[in-house]
Amino acid sequence: MGEIVIGLIGAILGGIIGTVLTFVLTRPKLSISISDTLVEPVQPDPSDKKALARKIFDRKAIDFLQVPDGVLQTFWNCDYVTKPDRFYQHPSQYTFELIEIMRDNEMVKLLHSGMPSLLKELKRTLHSDLMEDFFVAWHPFNHVLWGELLGAVRKGEFDLVIDEIKLGEVKNRMFQDDDGDYSVSHSRYVFYFRWTDKAKAEKEVVEPFAKKLALVFAHENKESLRQVINYLEKVNWEDPALEKVSKTVEEELRRFSKIIVRGVISNAGRTPVSIVGRGQLVIQSKGFEYQREKINEVKRIHDDIKIDVSVMKENLLETDLTLVIPGGSAVAFEAHSDFFTSQLPHFEEIHHLFGSERHVFVKFRRIDDRGIVKSAIKQFCEFKRDELFQ
């Protein structure tokens, strides 16, 4: 009888131990590691470009970027500066357009920095009667050079003086499309001289110039091309207006910067677990002191700063998203602050904490209410600090 009781007790204990071991081995074991934390404008997915309103950028931005002398005035005439309200209601669209403008602006500055050497090469090829080399060198920069020439003509600073009878034989085909724009075909290159998109009052000036330059290219008239190169050599390609545009765009982009946290949530257990996609980024800022800007005052932060963040899904902020982490797997995530940095109540403090030796961590809540999952800490100085956050 005693042996039976002992056997039963052993079986029961064995079952309990087995159950406990099974639970211990299979229960979710979550850990979070932060791979990247930064502050930057939130960009829409590039695949959404077609869904965004591009009229402003297509119709105005390209024009002002190609005509540096008129860049600032055109920029301020754009609807997103004079009437920004409707764009602020769609920050992804607004931010996308600003980022595109910034990229094109930087490209124009890069192109302009190479203009002096390009013009020397064009002058050399003309002098050496190497017309094929001339056209090869001109073609990649045609939109920039044509934009500069057109701007000068519109302001009365330049014009071509030609005699059509003395242009010589036709060497390249010249076309005029249904809209009235001119183009010239040379070998495998086509040079476009568009003028019809200009204001009605300017068309009487720019149309004759477009035709004259097209004729010069069609006849490969060196004397007239020297007129063009001589003028372009006098242009100040370091136009300060481009810098002003960059500064203005950067100021606007700061409105739409967010704190972004990227990392990985790992589950070392055998069973899946779900966490709430809305969490907090905690900056261990208690006791930090800094000098307030423009005020001779030292301010002390009395508590840690907590910033609400939400996990992104398909480039959209999801405040009620659930993340499922399968057993033995890891799930990458990207979380954004719920508000733009300029809207955060601790914006000033966050700015001064950059570059400090303070630490941050992110935390999320488990769906099964079995506590909070915290990440390992990361130094706050490892955040990306750039000109967009000032």
Protein backbone atom coordinates (compact mmCIF):
# COMPACT_ATOMS: atom_id res chain seq x y z
CA MET A 1 0.00 0.00 0.00
CA GLY A 2 2.81 2.38 0.94
CA GLU A 3 4.55 1.67 -2.32
CA ILE A 4 1.39 2.59 -4.24
CA VAL A 5 1.07 5.91 -2.36
CA ILE A 6 4.72 6.70 -2.95
CA GLY A 7 4.26 5.86 -6.62
CA LEU A 8 1.23 8.13 -6.88
CA ILE A 9 3.05 10.96 -5.14
CA GLY A 10 6.02 10.49 -7.46
CA ALA A 11 3.78 10.53 -10.50
CA ILE A 12 2.04 13.67 -9.31
CA LEU A 13 5.34 15.38 -8.54
CA GLY A 14 6.72 14.26 -11.88
CA GLY A 15 3.71 15.70 -13.65
CA ILE A 16 4.01 18.96 -11.76
CA ILE A 17 7.73 19.22 -12.46
CA GLY A 18 7.16 18.36 -16.12
CA THR A 19 4.45 20.97 -16.40
CA VAL A 20 6.65 23.57 -14.74
CA LEU A 21 9.59 22.70 -16.97
CA THR A 22 7.39 22.81 -20.05
CA PHE A 23 6.07 26.20 -19.02
CA VAL A 24 9.54 27.52 -18.28
CA LEU A 25 10.93 26.23 -21.55
CA THR A 26 8.03 27.32 -23.74
CA ARG A 27 6.91 30.58 -22.15
CA PRO A 28 7.65 33.75 -24.09
CA LYS A 29 11.01 35.35 -23.30
CA LEU A 30 10.98 38.83 -24.76
CA SER A 31 13.84 41.25 -25.19
CA ILE A 32 14.10 44.52 -27.10
CA SER A 33 17.20 46.04 -28.61
CA ILE A 34 17.35 49.52 -30.14
CA SER A 35 19.34 49.66 -33.34
CA ASP A 36 18.77 53.26 -34.34
CA THR A 37 17.27 56.39 -32.85
CA LEU A 38 17.14 59.68 -34.72
CA VAL A 39 15.22 62.82 -35.45
CA GLU A 40 14.28 63.48 -39.05
CA PRO A 41 11.36 64.42 -41.29
CA VAL A 42 8.98 61.54 -41.85
CA GLN A 43 8.89 60.58 -45.52
CA PRO A 44 6.03 58.84 -47.26
CA ASP A 45 6.78 55.58 -49.02
CA PRO A 46 8.35 56.28 -52.45
CA SER A 47 5.74 54.01 -53.99
CA ASP A 48 3.10 56.56 -52.99
CA LYS A 49 4.56 59.27 -55.19
CA LYS A 50 1.82 59.01 -57.79
CA ALA A 51 -0.84 59.39 -55.12
CA LEU A 52 0.60 62.69 -53.94
CA ALA A 53 -0.29 66.06 -55.38
CA ARG A 54 2.71 67.07 -57.48
CA LYS A 55 1.36 70.10 -59.36
CA ILE A 56 3.32 72.59 -57.31
CA PHE A 57 6.61 70.77 -57.65
CA ASP A 58 6.16 69.90 -61.31
CA ARG A 59 4.94 73.31 -62.43
CA LYS A 60 6.90 75.68 -60.22
CA ALA A 61 9.77 74.08 -58.33
CA ILE A 62 11.56 72.77 -61.40
CA ASP A 63 11.26 76.18 -63.02
CA PHE A 64 12.77 78.10 -60.12
CA LEU A 65 15.53 75.56 -59.57
CA GLN A 66 16.65 75.86 -63.16
CA VAL A 67 16.65 79.64 -63.11
CA PRO A 68 18.79 80.55 -60.09
CA ASP A 69 18.34 84.32 -60.45
CA GLY A 70 14.60 83.93 -59.92
CA VAL A 71 14.70 81.14 -57.41
CA LEU A 72 13.69 82.97 -54.25
CA GLN A 73 10.81 84.96 -55.70
CA THR A 74 9.34 81.85 -57.35
CA PHE A 75 9.73 79.90 -54.12
CA TRP A 76 7.75 82.43 -52.14
CA ASN A 77 5.05 82.45 -54.78
CA CYS A 78 4.47 78.71 -54.34
CA ASP A 79 1.17 77.82 -52.73
CA TYR A 80 2.73 75.75 -49.96
CA VAL A 81 4.43 78.87 -48.58
CA THR A 82 1.76 81.51 -49.11
CA LYS A 83 -1.15 79.18 -48.30
CA PRO A 84 0.28 76.39 -46.14
CA ASP A 85 -2.84 75.41 -44.20
CA ARG A 86 -4.06 72.69 -46.53
CA PHE A 87 -0.59 71.14 -46.64
CA TYR A 88 -0.30 71.11 -42.87
CA GLN A 89 -3.41 68.95 -42.86
CA HIS A 90 -1.49 66.39 -44.93
CA PRO A 91 2.03 66.45 -43.46
CA SER A 92 3.26 63.38 -45.36
CA GLN A 93 2.45 65.01 -48.68
CA TYR A 94 3.84 68.37 -47.60
CA THR A 95 7.03 66.84 -46.22
CA PHE A 96 7.54 64.75 -49.35
CA GLU A 97 7.39 67.80 -51.58
CA LEU A 98 9.80 69.73 -49.39
CA ILE A 99 12.27 66.85 -49.36
CA GLU A 100 12.05 66.58 -53.14
CA ILE A 101 12.71 70.31 -53.45
CA MET A 102 15.66 70.04 -51.09
CA ARG A 103 17.16 67.20 -53.13
CA ASP A 104 16.72 69.07 -56.40
CA ASN A 105 18.09 72.23 -54.84
CA GLU A 106 21.21 70.37 -53.72
CA MET A 107 21.53 68.84 -57.19
CA VAL A 108 21.34 72.27 -58.79
CA LYS A 109 24.04 73.58 -56.43
CA LEU A 110 26.19 70.59 -57.33
CA LEU A 111 25.64 71.18 -61.05
CA HIS A 112 26.41 74.86 -60.65
CA SER A 113 29.66 74.15 -58.84
CA GLY A 114 30.92 72.41 -61.99
CA MET A 115 29.87 75.15 -64.40
CA PRO A 116 33.16 77.09 -64.61
CA SER A 117 35.11 74.00 -65.69
CA LEU A 118 32.31 72.98 -68.08
CA LEU A 119 32.34 76.39 -69.77
CA LYS A 120 36.12 76.19 -70.20
CA GLU A 121 35.66 72.84 -71.91
CA LEU A 122 32.92 74.22 -74.18
CA LYS A 123 35.11 77.18 -75.10
CA ARG A 124 38.05 74.86 -75.87
CA THR A 125 35.99 72.61 -78.14
CA LEU A 126 34.65 75.62 -80.06
CA HIS A 127 38.13 77.02 -80.51
CA SER A 128 39.41 73.62 -81.71
CA ASP A 129 36.43 73.10 -84.02
CA LEU A 130 35.45 69.92 -82.14
CA MET A 131 31.70 70.31 -82.51
CA GLU A 132 30.86 66.72 -81.62
CA ASP A 133 32.72 67.15 -78.32
CA PHE A 134 30.92 70.45 -77.78
CA PHE A 135 27.48 68.86 -78.07
CA VAL A 136 28.47 65.88 -75.91
CA ALA A 137 29.65 68.22 -73.14
CA TRP A 138 26.62 70.53 -73.38
CA HIS A 139 23.87 67.92 -73.45
CA PRO A 140 23.82 66.72 -69.78
CA PHE A 141 23.53 70.34 -68.61
CA ASN A 142 21.15 71.61 -71.28
CA HIS A 143 18.26 72.21 -68.84
CA VAL A 144 20.49 74.26 -66.52
CA LEU A 145 22.16 76.29 -69.27
CA TRP A 146 18.89 76.87 -71.11
CA GLY A 147 17.21 77.94 -67.88
CA GLU A 148 19.98 80.44 -67.15
CA LEU A 149 19.87 81.86 -70.67
CA LEU A 150 16.10 82.11 -70.65
CA GLY A 151 16.15 83.91 -67.31
CA ALA A 152 18.67 86.40 -68.65
CA VAL A 153 16.56 87.06 -71.75
CA ARG A 154 13.43 87.59 -69.65
CA LYS A 155 15.28 90.22 -67.61
CA GLY A 156 16.80 91.89 -70.65
CA GLU A 157 20.37 90.95 -69.71
CA PHE A 158 21.18 88.90 -72.81
CA ASP A 159 20.05 88.25 -76.34
CA LEU A 160 21.49 86.60 -79.42
CA VAL A 161 22.35 88.75 -82.40
CA ILE A 162 22.26 86.60 -85.53
CA ASP A 163 21.83 86.92 -89.26
CA GLU A 164 19.92 83.86 -90.48
CA ILE A 165 21.37 84.27 -93.98
CA LYS A 166 24.92 84.00 -92.63
CA LEU A 167 24.36 81.04 -90.32
CA GLY A 168 25.76 78.61 -92.88
CA GLU A 169 24.50 75.22 -93.93
CA VAL A 170 22.03 73.21 -91.84
CA LYS A 171 23.80 70.35 -90.06
CA ASN A 172 21.14 69.22 -87.57
CA ARG A 173 17.38 68.84 -87.81
CA MET A 174 15.27 71.50 -86.09
CA PHE A 175 11.70 70.81 -84.91
CA GLN A 176 8.79 72.77 -83.50
CA ASP A 177 6.10 70.76 -81.72
CA ASP A 178 2.35 71.44 -81.61
CA ASP A 179 2.76 73.68 -78.55
CA GLY A 180 5.41 75.77 -80.26
CA ASP A 181 8.48 74.56 -78.36
CA TYR A 182 11.70 74.11 -80.32
CA SER A 183 14.17 71.23 -80.32
CA VAL A 184 17.26 70.22 -82.29
CA SER A 185 18.40 66.68 -83.01
CA HIS A 186 22.13 66.10 -83.19
CA SER A 187 23.39 62.54 -83.62
CA ARG A 188 21.91 60.62 -80.66
CA TYR A 189 21.14 63.76 -78.64
CA VAL A 190 18.07 66.01 -78.60
CA PHE A 191 18.30 69.56 -77.25
CA TYR A 192 15.03 71.07 -76.02
CA PHE A 193 14.39 74.81 -75.85
CA ARG A 194 11.00 75.09 -74.17
CA TRP A 195 9.42 78.50 -73.79
CA THR A 196 5.61 78.01 -73.98
CA ASP A 197 5.18 77.46 -70.22
CA LYS A 198 6.25 81.03 -69.45
CA ALA A 199 3.91 83.86 -68.53
CA LYS A 200 1.92 85.32 -71.40
CA ALA A 201 3.60 88.72 -71.06
CA GLU A 202 7.04 87.12 -71.48
CA LYS A 203 6.28 84.94 -74.49
CA GLU A 204 6.89 87.75 -76.98
CA VAL A 205 10.46 87.95 -75.66
CA VAL A 206 11.36 84.31 -75.04
CA GLU A 207 9.87 82.77 -78.20
CA PRO A 208 12.17 84.63 -80.63
CA PHE A 209 15.18 83.78 -78.46
CA ALA A 210 14.25 80.08 -78.33
CA LYS A 211 13.97 80.05 -82.11
CA LYS A 212 17.33 81.83 -82.57
CA LEU A 213 19.19 79.45 -80.24
CA ALA A 214 17.60 76.45 -81.97
CA LEU A 215 18.75 77.83 -85.34
CA VAL A 216 22.28 78.30 -83.99
CA PHE A 217 22.35 74.68 -82.81
CA ALA A 218 20.87 73.45 -86.09
CA HIS A 219 23.54 75.29 -88.13
CA GLU A 220 26.33 74.75 -85.56
CA ASN A 221 27.23 78.41 -85.97
CA LYS A 222 30.40 78.94 -83.93
CA GLU A 223 30.28 82.74 -83.84
CA SER A 224 26.82 82.71 -82.23
CA LEU A 225 27.77 79.91 -79.86
CA ARG A 226 30.72 82.03 -78.70
CA GLN A 227 28.23 84.78 -77.80
CA VAL A 228 26.39 82.28 -75.62
CA ILE A 229 29.53 80.95 -73.91
CA ASN A 230 30.91 84.46 -73.32
CA TYR A 231 27.72 85.41 -71.50
CA LEU A 232 27.59 82.21 -69.44
CA GLU A 233 31.16 82.77 -68.30
CA LYS A 234 30.05 86.03 -66.66
CA VAL A 235 27.29 84.35 -64.65
CA ASN A 236 27.81 84.03 -60.89
CA TRP A 237 27.02 80.35 -60.44
CA GLU A 238 27.41 80.67 -56.68
CA ASP A 239 23.96 82.24 -56.47
CA PRO A 240 23.10 83.03 -52.81
CA ALA A 241 19.42 82.51 -53.60
CA LEU A 242 20.02 78.76 -53.66
CA GLU A 243 21.31 78.92 -50.08
CA LYS A 244 18.29 80.96 -49.06
CA VAL A 245 15.99 78.33 -50.50
CA SER A 246 17.84 75.58 -48.63
CA LYS A 247 17.49 77.48 -45.37
CA THR A 248 13.81 78.17 -45.94
CA VAL A 249 13.07 74.54 -46.78
CA GLU A 250 15.04 73.31 -43.75
CA GLU A 251 13.04 75.59 -41.48
CA GLU A 252 9.83 74.14 -42.87
CA LEU A 253 11.10 70.56 -42.55
CA ARG A 254 11.78 71.11 -38.86
CA ARG A 255 8.03 71.41 -38.39
CA PHE A 256 7.67 67.83 -39.55
CA SER A 257 10.55 66.09 -37.81
CA LYS A 258 9.73 63.24 -35.48
CA ILE A 259 11.70 61.09 -33.07
CA ILE A 260 12.13 57.71 -34.73
CA VAL A 261 13.11 54.50 -32.96
CA ARG A 262 14.13 51.41 -34.87
CA GLY A 263 14.89 48.11 -33.23
CA VAL A 264 14.17 44.41 -32.87
CA ILE A 265 11.89 42.52 -30.48
CA SER A 266 13.10 38.97 -29.89
CA ASN A 267 11.21 36.02 -28.39
CA ALA A 268 13.51 33.29 -27.06
CA GLY A 269 10.56 31.17 -25.90
CA ARG A 270 8.59 28.61 -27.86
CA THR A 271 5.17 30.22 -27.79
CA PRO A 272 4.12 33.44 -29.51
CA VAL A 273 3.38 36.60 -27.60
CA SER A 274 1.72 39.87 -28.56
CA ILE A 275 2.55 43.37 -27.45
CA VAL A 276 0.71 46.65 -27.79
CA GLY A 277 2.21 48.75 -30.59
CA ARG A 278 1.88 51.94 -28.61
CA GLY A 279 4.67 52.52 -26.11
CA GLN A 280 7.04 55.07 -24.65
CA LEU A 281 10.56 56.25 -25.25
CA VAL A 282 12.08 57.22 -21.92
CA ILE A 283 14.99 59.65 -21.67
CA GLN A 284 16.79 59.28 -18.34
CA SER A 285 17.06 63.02 -17.89
CA LYS A 286 16.40 63.47 -14.16
CA GLY A 287 18.91 65.89 -12.67
CA PHE A 288 20.21 67.12 -16.03
CA GLU A 289 21.07 70.83 -16.10
CA TYR A 290 21.41 73.11 -19.11
CA GLN A 291 21.76 76.79 -19.97
CA ARG A 292 18.55 78.22 -21.42
CA GLU A 293 18.99 79.96 -24.75
CA LYS A 294 18.89 83.79 -24.73
CA ILE A 295 18.29 83.69 -20.97
CA ASN A 296 21.02 83.77 -18.36
CA GLU A 297 19.44 80.93 -16.43
CA VAL A 298 20.37 77.35 -15.63
CA LYS A 299 17.43 74.96 -15.75
CA ARG A 300 17.32 71.59 -14.02
CA ILE A 301 15.19 68.70 -15.29
CA HIS A 302 13.47 67.07 -12.31
CA ASP A 303 12.08 63.92 -13.94
CA ASP A 304 12.74 61.53 -16.79
CA ILE A 305 11.17 62.59 -20.07
CA LYS A 306 8.62 60.18 -21.52
CA ILE A 307 7.60 60.43 -25.16
CA ASP A 308 4.65 58.46 -26.54
CA VAL A 309 5.61 56.45 -29.61
CA SER A 310 3.60 54.22 -31.92
CA VAL A 311 4.75 51.46 -34.24
CA MET A 312 4.55 52.17 -37.95
CA LYS A 313 2.84 49.78 -40.35
CA GLU A 314 3.19 50.24 -44.09
CA ASN A 315 4.40 53.79 -43.49
CA LEU A 316 1.33 54.71 -41.46
CA LEU A 317 1.23 55.52 -37.76
CA GLU A 318 -0.80 52.81 -36.02
CA THR A 319 -1.91 53.79 -32.51
CA ASP A 320 -3.81 50.53 -31.92
CA LEU A 321 -1.50 48.09 -33.68
CA THR A 322 -0.62 44.74 -32.10
CA LEU A 323 2.75 43.16 -32.76
CA VAL A 324 2.92 39.35 -32.69
CA ILE A 325 6.33 37.83 -32.04
CA PRO A 326 6.40 34.08 -32.81
CA GLY A 327 8.38 31.72 -30.61
CA GLY A 328 12.05 31.56 -31.47
CA SER A 329 11.76 34.58 -33.77
CA ALA A 330 12.55 38.28 -33.92
CA VAL A 331 10.46 41.10 -35.37
CA ALA A 332 11.92 44.40 -36.53
CA PHE A 333 9.95 47.53 -35.75
CA GLU A 334 9.99 51.25 -36.37
CA ALA A 335 8.17 53.55 -33.97
CA HIS A 336 7.56 57.27 -34.36
CA SER A 337 6.71 59.89 -31.77
CA ASP A 338 3.00 60.60 -31.84
CA PHE A 339 3.72 64.31 -32.27
CA PHE A 340 6.23 66.33 -34.25
CA THR A 341 9.27 67.36 -32.21
CA SER A 342 8.24 71.02 -32.34
CA GLN A 343 4.94 70.03 -30.67
CA LEU A 344 6.47 68.04 -27.82
CA PRO A 345 6.13 69.70 -24.39
CA HIS A 346 9.81 68.99 -23.64
CA PHE A 347 11.17 70.17 -26.98
CA GLU A 348 13.68 72.56 -25.41
CA GLU A 349 14.95 69.95 -22.95
CA ILE A 350 15.25 67.28 -25.64
CA HIS A 351 17.29 69.64 -27.77
CA HIS A 352 19.80 70.22 -24.98
CA LEU A 353 19.99 66.54 -24.08
CA PHE A 354 21.45 65.72 -27.48
CA GLY A 355 25.13 64.96 -27.18
CA SER A 356 24.87 64.32 -23.46
CA GLU A 357 25.76 61.02 -21.82
CA ARG A 358 22.19 60.35 -20.78
CA HIS A 359 20.52 57.07 -21.72
CA VAL A 360 17.22 56.14 -23.31
CA PHE A 361 15.11 53.02 -23.54
CA VAL A 362 11.81 52.09 -25.13
CA LYS A 363 9.05 50.07 -23.50
CA PHE A 364 5.88 48.31 -24.68
CA ARG A 365 3.08 46.54 -22.83
CA ARG A 366 2.22 42.89 -23.34
CA ILE A 367 -1.32 42.09 -24.48
CA ASP A 368 -1.73 39.42 -21.78
CA ASP A 369 -1.11 42.05 -19.06
CA ARG A 370 1.98 40.21 -17.85
CA GLY A 371 4.00 43.34 -17.49
CA ILE A 372 6.02 45.80 -19.48
CA VAL A 373 8.84 44.84 -21.84
CA LYS A 374 11.78 47.27 -21.76
CA SER A 375 14.68 47.54 -24.13
CA ALA A 376 18.32 47.72 -23.18
CA ILE A 377 19.46 51.29 -22.63
CA LYS A 378 21.24 53.26 -25.32
CA GLN A 379 23.22 56.44 -24.96
CA PHE A 380 21.29 59.50 -25.99
CA CYS A 381 24.36 60.90 -27.75
CA GLU A 382 23.98 58.09 -30.29
CA PHE A 383 20.89 59.79 -31.67
CA LYS A 384 21.29 61.42 -35.04
CA ARG A 385 21.70 65.13 -34.50
CA ASP A 386 21.45 67.19 -37.66
CA GLU A 387 20.42 70.57 -38.90
CA LEU A 388 16.79 69.56 -39.05
CA PHE A 389 16.61 69.64 -35.28
CA GLN A 390 17.52 73.10 -34.05
